Protein backbone atom coordinates (compact mmCIF):
# COMPACT_ATOMS: atom_id res chain seq x y z
CA MET A 1 -3.66 18.91 24.92
CA ALA A 2 -5.83 19.55 21.89
CA ASN A 3 -7.98 22.67 21.91
CA ILE A 4 -11.15 20.91 23.05
CA THR A 5 -13.23 22.40 25.84
CA PRO A 6 -16.22 20.89 27.63
CA PRO A 7 -19.66 22.14 26.61
CA LYS A 8 -21.48 24.77 28.65
CA TYR A 9 -23.66 22.33 30.55
CA VAL A 10 -20.57 20.44 31.79
CA LYS A 11 -18.87 23.69 32.80
CA GLN A 12 -22.04 24.62 34.66
CA VAL A 13 -21.79 21.48 36.81
CA LEU A 14 -18.08 22.01 37.49
CA ILE A 15 -18.51 25.68 38.40
CA THR A 16 -21.54 25.01 40.61
CA LEU A 17 -19.60 22.43 42.62
CA GLN A 18 -16.55 24.65 42.85
CA ALA A 19 -18.60 27.71 43.88
CA ARG A 20 -19.91 25.76 46.89
CA GLY A 21 -16.39 24.94 48.01
CA TYR A 22 -16.07 21.45 46.59
CA HIS A 23 -13.29 20.11 44.40
CA ALA A 24 -14.49 19.01 40.96
CA TYR A 25 -12.60 17.42 38.07
CA LEU A 26 -13.28 16.00 34.66
CA VAL A 27 -12.02 12.44 34.78
CA GLY A 28 -11.66 9.21 32.83
CA GLY A 29 -12.41 8.70 29.17
CA CYS A 30 -13.41 12.29 28.44
CA VAL A 31 -10.00 13.57 29.57
CA ARG A 32 -8.23 10.86 27.59
CA ASP A 33 -10.20 11.76 24.46
CA MET A 34 -9.49 15.47 24.91
CA ILE A 35 -5.76 14.73 25.10
CA LEU A 36 -6.06 12.65 21.92
CA GLY A 37 -7.92 15.42 20.15
CA VAL A 38 -11.19 13.49 20.02
CA HIS A 39 -14.49 15.08 21.08
CA PRO A 40 -15.80 13.03 24.02
CA GLN A 41 -19.18 11.36 23.78
CA ASP A 42 -19.70 11.36 27.55
CA TRP A 43 -18.52 13.67 30.32
CA ASP A 44 -17.73 12.32 33.80
CA ILE A 45 -16.94 14.41 36.87
CA CYS A 46 -15.47 13.36 40.20
CA THR A 47 -15.75 15.42 43.35
CA ASP A 48 -15.24 15.39 47.10
CA ALA A 49 -18.92 16.32 47.52
CA LEU A 50 -20.99 13.45 48.89
CA PRO A 51 -23.92 12.17 46.80
CA GLU A 52 -26.52 13.87 48.98
CA GLN A 53 -24.60 17.15 48.70
CA VAL A 54 -24.56 16.83 44.91
CA ARG A 55 -28.31 16.20 44.90
CA ASP A 56 -28.89 19.32 47.02
CA LEU A 57 -26.98 21.48 44.51
CA PHE A 58 -28.93 20.56 41.39
CA PRO A 59 -32.70 20.60 40.91
CA ARG A 60 -32.83 17.62 38.54
CA THR A 61 -30.88 14.46 39.32
CA LEU A 62 -31.08 10.70 38.96
CA THR A 63 -29.77 8.42 41.68
CA VAL A 64 -29.59 5.08 39.89
CA GLY A 65 -25.87 4.67 40.72
CA VAL A 66 -25.91 6.37 44.09
CA ARG A 67 -24.95 3.11 45.86
CA HIS A 68 -21.54 3.49 44.23
CA GLY A 69 -21.41 7.25 44.74
CA THR A 70 -22.72 8.37 41.34
CA VAL A 71 -25.43 10.98 40.85
CA THR A 72 -26.55 11.81 37.32
CA VAL A 73 -27.10 15.55 36.99
CA LEU A 74 -29.62 16.62 34.35
CA ILE A 75 -29.01 19.96 32.65
CA HIS A 76 -31.68 20.67 30.04
CA SER A 77 -31.56 17.59 27.77
CA HIS A 78 -28.05 16.57 28.87
CA ALA A 79 -26.81 14.20 31.56
CA VAL A 80 -23.52 14.38 33.47
CA GLU A 81 -22.40 11.68 35.88
CA VAL A 82 -20.92 13.09 39.08
CA THR A 83 -19.16 10.57 41.33
CA THR A 84 -17.79 11.10 44.81
CA PHE A 85 -14.08 10.31 45.35
CA ARG A 86 -14.06 6.69 46.46
CA THR A 87 -12.11 3.52 46.98
CA ASP A 88 -13.59 0.14 46.13
CA GLY A 89 -14.09 -2.82 48.42
CA SER A 90 -13.61 -6.46 47.41
CA TYR A 91 -14.84 -7.74 44.04
CA ALA A 92 -16.45 -11.09 44.80
CA ASP A 93 -17.77 -11.55 41.24
CA HIS A 94 -14.68 -10.19 39.43
CA ARG A 95 -16.88 -7.43 38.07
CA HIS A 96 -18.47 -5.14 40.70
CA PRO A 97 -17.23 -3.98 44.11
CA GLU A 98 -19.34 -5.25 46.99
CA ALA A 99 -19.05 -1.86 48.67
CA VAL A 100 -17.35 1.50 48.22
CA SER A 101 -15.85 3.93 50.69
CA PHE A 102 -15.92 7.66 50.08
CA VAL A 103 -12.58 9.41 50.49
CA GLY A 104 -11.45 13.00 50.51
CA ASP A 105 -8.54 12.93 48.10
CA LEU A 106 -8.39 12.65 44.32
CA THR A 107 -5.30 10.43 44.11
CA SER A 108 -6.98 7.62 46.04
CA ASP A 109 -9.89 7.78 43.62
CA LEU A 110 -7.64 7.71 40.56
CA ALA A 111 -5.70 4.76 42.01
CA ARG A 112 -8.75 2.46 41.69
CA ARG A 113 -9.11 3.05 37.93
CA ASP A 114 -8.19 0.58 35.21
CA PHE A 115 -5.50 2.15 33.00
CA THR A 116 -3.17 5.10 33.43
CA MET A 117 -4.67 6.85 30.40
CA ASN A 118 -8.04 6.78 32.22
CA ALA A 119 -6.60 7.94 35.55
CA ILE A 120 -6.04 11.58 34.59
CA ALA A 121 -8.14 14.39 36.08
CA LEU A 122 -8.73 17.89 34.77
CA PRO A 123 -10.04 20.69 37.02
CA PRO A 124 -11.76 23.82 35.68
CA ASP A 125 -8.46 25.73 35.71
CA GLY A 126 -6.99 23.24 33.20
CA LEU A 127 -4.03 22.05 35.33
CA VAL A 128 -3.83 18.30 34.69
CA VAL A 129 -3.61 15.94 37.66
CA ASP A 130 -1.72 12.85 36.53
CA PRO A 131 -0.22 10.86 39.43
CA PHE A 132 0.29 7.64 37.42
CA GLY A 133 1.92 8.90 34.23
CA GLY A 134 -1.08 8.61 31.98
CA MET A 135 -0.10 11.59 29.83
CA GLU A 136 3.25 10.03 29.00
CA ASP A 137 1.63 6.68 28.24
CA ILE A 138 -0.81 8.39 25.85
CA ARG A 139 2.08 10.17 24.13
CA SER A 140 3.92 6.85 23.86
CA GLY A 141 0.84 4.93 22.70
CA ILE A 142 0.87 2.51 25.63
CA ILE A 143 -1.95 0.90 27.60
CA ARG A 144 -0.77 0.25 31.15
CA CYS A 145 -2.71 -0.82 34.21
CA VAL A 146 -2.79 1.43 37.25
CA GLY A 147 -0.83 -0.57 39.80
CA GLU A 148 -0.60 -4.35 39.53
CA PRO A 149 -2.32 -5.81 36.46
CA ASP A 150 -3.29 -9.03 38.23
CA ARG A 151 -5.13 -7.08 40.91
CA ARG A 152 -6.88 -4.85 38.39
CA PHE A 153 -8.07 -7.86 36.39
CA GLU A 154 -9.11 -9.82 39.49
CA GLU A 155 -11.26 -6.84 40.49
CA ASP A 156 -12.95 -6.59 37.10
CA ALA A 157 -12.30 -9.25 34.48
CA LEU A 158 -13.92 -7.10 31.79
CA ARG A 159 -10.86 -4.84 31.95
CA MET A 160 -8.92 -7.46 29.99
CA PHE A 161 -11.32 -7.08 27.07
CA ARG A 162 -11.27 -3.30 27.45
CA ALA A 163 -7.46 -3.25 27.27
CA LEU A 164 -7.50 -5.12 23.98
CA ARG A 165 -10.39 -3.07 22.63
CA PHE A 166 -8.57 0.19 23.44
CA SER A 167 -5.46 -1.22 21.80
CA ALA A 168 -7.39 -1.93 18.61
CA ARG A 169 -9.33 1.32 18.64
CA LEU A 170 -6.44 3.66 19.47
CA GLY A 171 -3.61 1.73 17.84
CA PHE A 172 -1.82 1.57 21.20
CA SER A 173 0.48 -1.22 22.40
CA LEU A 174 -0.10 -3.18 25.57
CA GLU A 175 2.59 -2.61 28.18
CA GLU A 176 4.45 -5.86 28.71
CA GLU A 177 3.26 -6.62 32.24
CA THR A 178 -0.31 -5.63 31.38
CA ARG A 179 -0.27 -8.08 28.46
CA ALA A 180 1.21 -10.80 30.65
CA GLY A 181 -1.48 -10.16 33.26
CA ILE A 182 -4.19 -10.75 30.65
CA TYR A 183 -2.72 -14.15 29.82
CA ARG A 184 -2.37 -15.03 33.51
CA LYS A 185 -5.89 -14.01 34.47
CA ALA A 186 -7.81 -14.88 31.29
CA SER A 187 -9.73 -17.71 32.99
CA LEU A 188 -11.60 -15.10 35.06
CA ALA A 189 -13.43 -14.05 31.89
CA ALA A 190 -15.57 -17.18 32.11
CA ALA A 191 -17.52 -15.51 34.93
CA LEU A 192 -18.53 -12.52 32.80
CA SER A 193 -22.04 -12.33 31.38
CA PRO A 194 -22.34 -13.28 27.71
CA GLU A 195 -23.84 -9.88 26.95
CA ARG A 196 -20.78 -8.06 28.28
CA VAL A 197 -18.41 -10.30 26.32
CA ARG A 198 -20.54 -9.94 23.18
CA ASP A 199 -20.51 -6.16 23.40
CA GLU A 200 -16.72 -6.01 23.84
CA VAL A 201 -16.10 -8.45 20.99
CA GLU A 202 -18.37 -6.48 18.68
CA LYS A 203 -16.61 -3.23 19.56
CA MET A 204 -13.29 -4.89 18.68
CA LEU A 205 -14.71 -6.20 15.41
CA LEU A 206 -15.79 -2.69 14.44
CA THR A 207 -12.34 -1.12 14.90
CA ASN A 208 -9.71 -0.68 12.21
CA ARG A 209 -7.82 -3.59 13.78
CA PRO A 210 -10.42 -6.36 14.19
CA GLU A 211 -7.64 -8.94 14.11
CA ILE A 212 -7.14 -8.10 17.82
CA ILE A 213 -9.75 -10.83 18.32
CA LEU A 214 -6.89 -13.27 17.70
CA THR A 215 -5.25 -12.08 20.92
CA THR A 216 -8.45 -12.61 22.90
CA ILE A 217 -8.53 -16.17 21.57
CA GLU A 218 -4.84 -16.87 22.15
CA ALA A 219 -5.00 -15.50 25.69
CA GLY A 220 -7.99 -17.69 26.54
CA LEU A 221 -10.51 -14.92 27.11
CA LEU A 222 -13.04 -16.70 24.88
CA ASP A 223 -12.47 -20.25 26.10
CA ARG A 224 -16.08 -20.41 27.30
CA TYR A 225 -17.20 -20.01 23.69
CA ILE A 226 -14.31 -21.14 21.46
CA LEU A 227 -12.12 -24.23 21.27
CA ARG A 228 -8.53 -23.08 20.93
CA ARG A 229 -6.35 -24.87 18.38
CA GLU A 230 -2.70 -24.66 17.46
CA ASP A 231 -3.25 -23.88 13.78
CA ASP A 232 -2.97 -20.50 12.09
CA THR A 233 -6.10 -18.37 12.00
CA ALA A 234 -4.09 -15.16 12.03
CA SER A 235 -3.96 -14.65 8.28
CA GLU A 236 -7.75 -14.90 7.94
CA LEU A 237 -8.42 -12.66 10.92
CA ILE A 238 -6.07 -10.01 9.58
CA ARG A 239 -8.15 -9.94 6.39
CA PHE A 240 -11.09 -8.69 8.44
CA THR A 241 -9.91 -5.17 7.67
CA ALA A 242 -11.20 -5.62 4.11
CA LEU A 243 -14.75 -6.10 5.39
CA PRO A 244 -17.12 -3.14 5.73
CA LYS A 245 -17.02 -1.73 9.25
CA LYS A 246 -20.47 -3.13 10.02
CA ALA A 247 -21.48 -5.66 12.62
CA LEU A 248 -23.15 -8.26 10.40
CA PRO A 249 -20.34 -8.95 7.89
CA ARG A 250 -17.70 -8.87 10.62
CA TRP A 251 -19.57 -11.34 12.82
CA ALA A 252 -20.10 -13.51 9.74
CA GLY A 253 -16.41 -13.30 8.87
CA LEU A 254 -15.44 -14.28 12.40
CA CYS A 255 -17.83 -17.24 12.33
CA ALA A 256 -16.49 -18.38 8.96
CA ALA A 257 -12.87 -18.27 10.13
CA LEU A 258 -13.64 -20.05 13.40
CA GLU A 259 -15.74 -22.72 11.71
CA ARG A 260 -13.09 -23.29 9.07
CA HIS A 261 -10.60 -24.08 11.83
CA ALA A 262 -13.08 -26.23 13.82
CA MET A 263 -13.00 -23.80 16.75
CA ILE A 264 -16.79 -23.65 17.10
CA ARG A 265 -19.46 -26.34 16.68
CA SER A 266 -21.57 -24.09 14.52
CA PRO A 267 -22.09 -20.36 13.95
CA GLN A 268 -25.55 -20.54 15.49
CA ASP A 269 -24.30 -22.24 18.67
CA PHE A 270 -21.46 -19.74 19.01
CA LEU A 271 -23.60 -16.66 18.49
CA SER A 272 -26.44 -18.00 20.60
CA ALA A 273 -24.05 -18.56 23.50
CA LEU A 274 -23.05 -14.88 23.21
CA HIS A 275 -26.71 -13.86 23.12
CA LEU A 276 -26.60 -12.33 19.65
CA ASP A 277 -30.02 -11.49 18.20
CA GLY A 278 -31.86 -14.04 16.08
CA ARG A 279 -31.42 -12.17 12.80
CA THR A 280 -27.63 -12.06 13.21
CA GLN A 281 -27.54 -15.74 14.13
CA ARG A 282 -29.57 -16.76 11.07
CA CYS A 283 -27.69 -14.52 8.67
CA CYS A 284 -24.25 -15.64 9.86
CA ALA A 285 -25.26 -19.31 9.80
CA ASP A 286 -26.59 -18.92 6.24
CA CYS A 287 -23.45 -17.02 5.20
CA CYS A 288 -21.28 -19.86 6.43
CA THR A 289 -23.46 -22.36 4.56
CA LEU A 290 -22.94 -20.39 1.34
CA LEU A 291 -19.19 -20.08 1.94
CA ARG A 292 -18.77 -23.85 2.20
CA ASP A 293 -19.73 -24.18 -1.48
CA ALA A 294 -18.03 -22.85 -4.59
CA PRO A 295 -19.19 -19.32 -5.43
CA PRO A 296 -21.95 -18.85 -8.03
CA LYS A 297 -20.78 -18.87 -11.64
CA THR A 298 -23.68 -17.34 -13.53
CA PRO A 299 -26.24 -14.55 -12.97
CA LYS A 300 -28.90 -17.25 -12.67
CA ASP A 301 -26.94 -18.89 -9.84
CA TRP A 302 -26.79 -15.55 -8.01
CA LYS A 303 -30.51 -14.99 -8.49
CA VAL A 304 -31.32 -18.43 -7.10
CA LEU A 305 -29.34 -17.59 -3.94
CA LEU A 306 -30.93 -14.15 -3.66
CA ASN A 307 -34.35 -15.75 -3.87
CA ARG A 308 -33.53 -18.37 -1.26
CA TYR A 309 -31.56 -16.31 1.28
CA GLY A 310 -32.35 -12.64 0.62
CA VAL A 311 -30.19 -9.68 -0.36
CA ASP A 312 -28.70 -9.02 3.11
CA THR A 313 -27.42 -12.56 3.61
CA VAL A 314 -26.07 -13.03 0.08
CA SER A 315 -24.40 -9.60 0.15
CA CYS A 316 -22.83 -10.45 3.50
CA ALA A 317 -21.56 -13.80 2.17
CA ALA A 318 -20.09 -12.10 -0.91
CA GLN A 319 -18.27 -9.55 1.27
CA VAL A 320 -16.83 -12.26 3.51
CA SER A 321 -15.89 -14.43 0.54
CA ASP A 322 -13.94 -11.59 -1.04
CA ALA A 323 -12.23 -10.62 2.21
CA LEU A 324 -11.23 -14.09 3.39
CA TYR A 325 -10.83 -15.98 0.13
CA THR A 326 -10.35 -13.32 -2.58
CA ARG A 327 -13.12 -14.63 -4.84
CA HIS A 328 -14.29 -11.33 -6.42
CA CYS A 329 -17.92 -12.08 -5.60
CA ARG A 330 -19.08 -8.58 -4.78
CA ASP A 331 -18.62 -7.29 -8.32
CA GLN A 332 -20.63 -10.18 -9.74
CA LEU A 333 -23.41 -9.71 -7.20
CA ARG A 334 -23.44 -5.96 -7.71
CA ALA A 335 -23.88 -6.48 -11.45
CA VAL A 336 -26.87 -8.78 -10.89
CA LEU A 337 -28.53 -6.37 -8.48
CA LYS A 338 -27.82 -3.38 -10.73
CA SER A 339 -29.40 -5.18 -13.70
CA GLY A 340 -32.77 -5.08 -11.96
CA GLU A 341 -33.47 -8.62 -13.12
CA CYS A 342 -36.14 -10.51 -11.23
CA PHE A 343 -35.12 -12.95 -8.51
CA SER A 344 -38.21 -12.84 -6.29
CA VAL A 345 -41.92 -13.49 -6.78
CA ARG A 346 -42.63 -9.94 -5.68
CA HIS A 347 -40.57 -8.66 -8.62
CA LEU A 348 -42.63 -10.53 -11.20
CA ALA A 349 -44.60 -8.41 -13.66
CA VAL A 350 -47.71 -10.29 -12.54
CA THR A 351 -49.06 -10.69 -9.02
CA GLY A 352 -50.87 -13.38 -7.11
CA ASP A 353 -54.04 -11.34 -7.50
CA ASP A 354 -53.65 -11.50 -11.28
CA LEU A 355 -53.51 -15.28 -11.11
CA VAL A 356 -56.47 -15.46 -8.72
CA GLU A 357 -58.52 -13.62 -11.32
CA LEU A 358 -57.60 -16.40 -13.72
CA GLY A 359 -59.01 -18.96 -11.30
CA LEU A 360 -55.83 -20.23 -9.67
CA ARG A 361 -55.97 -21.03 -5.94
CA GLY A 362 -53.90 -22.55 -3.14
CA LYS A 363 -51.13 -24.93 -4.11
CA GLU A 364 -51.78 -24.42 -7.81
CA LEU A 365 -51.31 -20.66 -7.38
CA GLY A 366 -48.02 -21.07 -5.52
CA GLU A 367 -46.67 -23.56 -8.06
CA MET A 368 -47.54 -21.24 -10.95
CA LEU A 369 -45.79 -18.25 -9.32
CA GLN A 370 -42.70 -20.41 -8.77
CA PHE A 371 -42.82 -21.62 -12.37
CA LEU A 372 -43.01 -18.03 -13.64
CA LEU A 373 -40.15 -16.98 -11.39
CA GLU A 374 -37.88 -19.75 -12.64
CA TYR A 375 -38.81 -18.88 -16.21
CA VAL A 376 -38.05 -15.18 -15.72
CA MET A 377 -34.73 -15.94 -14.00
CA ASP A 378 -33.75 -17.86 -17.14
CA TYR A 379 -35.20 -15.25 -19.51
CA PRO A 380 -35.11 -11.92 -17.66
CA GLU A 381 -36.10 -9.93 -20.74
CA ASN A 382 -39.46 -11.73 -20.72
CA ASN A 383 -40.60 -10.35 -17.36
CA ARG A 384 -43.58 -8.60 -18.98
CA ARG A 385 -47.15 -8.77 -17.81
CA GLU A 386 -48.80 -9.64 -21.12
CA LEU A 387 -46.26 -12.31 -21.95
CA LEU A 388 -46.46 -13.94 -18.50
CA LEU A 389 -50.26 -14.01 -18.60
CA GLN A 390 -50.08 -15.67 -21.99
CA LEU A 391 -47.66 -18.19 -20.53
CA VAL A 392 -50.13 -18.93 -17.70
CA HIS A 393 -52.93 -19.48 -20.23
CA GLY A 394 -50.73 -21.75 -22.31
CA THR A 395 -49.67 -23.78 -19.28
CA GLU A 396 -53.27 -24.23 -18.13
CA GLU A 397 -54.40 -25.36 -21.57
CA SER A 398 -51.64 -27.90 -21.86
């Protein structure tokens, strides 16, 4: 295990529980990350202390998850989730247990977890508890369900997305039966909330292996949102790695690939169904509109698009175009932006107030600003206040 130790506030919780005679272990993702040599973002503890006993030990706690045995302990500005050893009841909604039962032994608690790499516990003395072979699976780079995959996925359908997301993020392979279980139980994903699916898909898109989305499509996990076809989208999805590791261009790239293969009705419908925010929907829809046409050929063409769609959308479209279709658009766009040439009314050397002083109002004012903008986009070197004011005078006189 890498030389990573929990911070003082986490040790304080562990030692406090242990000093009162309770068993206490680090568990789940934090232990997995420590084994991988990654500093955990969150620290989870499991214990044989009941929730009310945990609350009695610490002066500041939150009990939002107490129904499922979790008490959040607050130490200064930090929060540590402490959960009583438990087994889960039935999962009527394929997401949450209807009830939990508190148990006295660690192994029963670990047996309810999703994957072997997340079913490892670490007590304060550092002696790993690993009843399901999670350490070996981490060393081998394998994601394996604890127990029967079908049962794990029937309990919580989101685990199928998590398995693929971990595979993409860690570079691990799916154990054969775990992979087969995803394909067998994929239809259960239709019951998941769009927000949960959206969040998992976005996390996959932001990994170094965003092409894992292809597996979610092939397995049927996204059938509620995507029409599966028998053509080859793999080559385009693999090219996602060339896109910046940012949400907007990767969502736009996904929409472009899916639309190209007639797997979605429209980017806006697809993203709306997944409850993406309005800005992302508009930007991705506009990106796909731009990608349907041949790329701009001249600086003026780029400036017209920048004026119409804005820098964020045009930059996103250029990134996707280069990644999926190798069009070399980013260099051309970068040159236009670096030139500082005007492509927006707000970049003109004159303002609306200047034209108001000359007596222009309403529609006439707007038309004149647009005329000046088009002129300056053709002749960028002439974006000078005196010259533009002369041009306004000359236009009025004519």
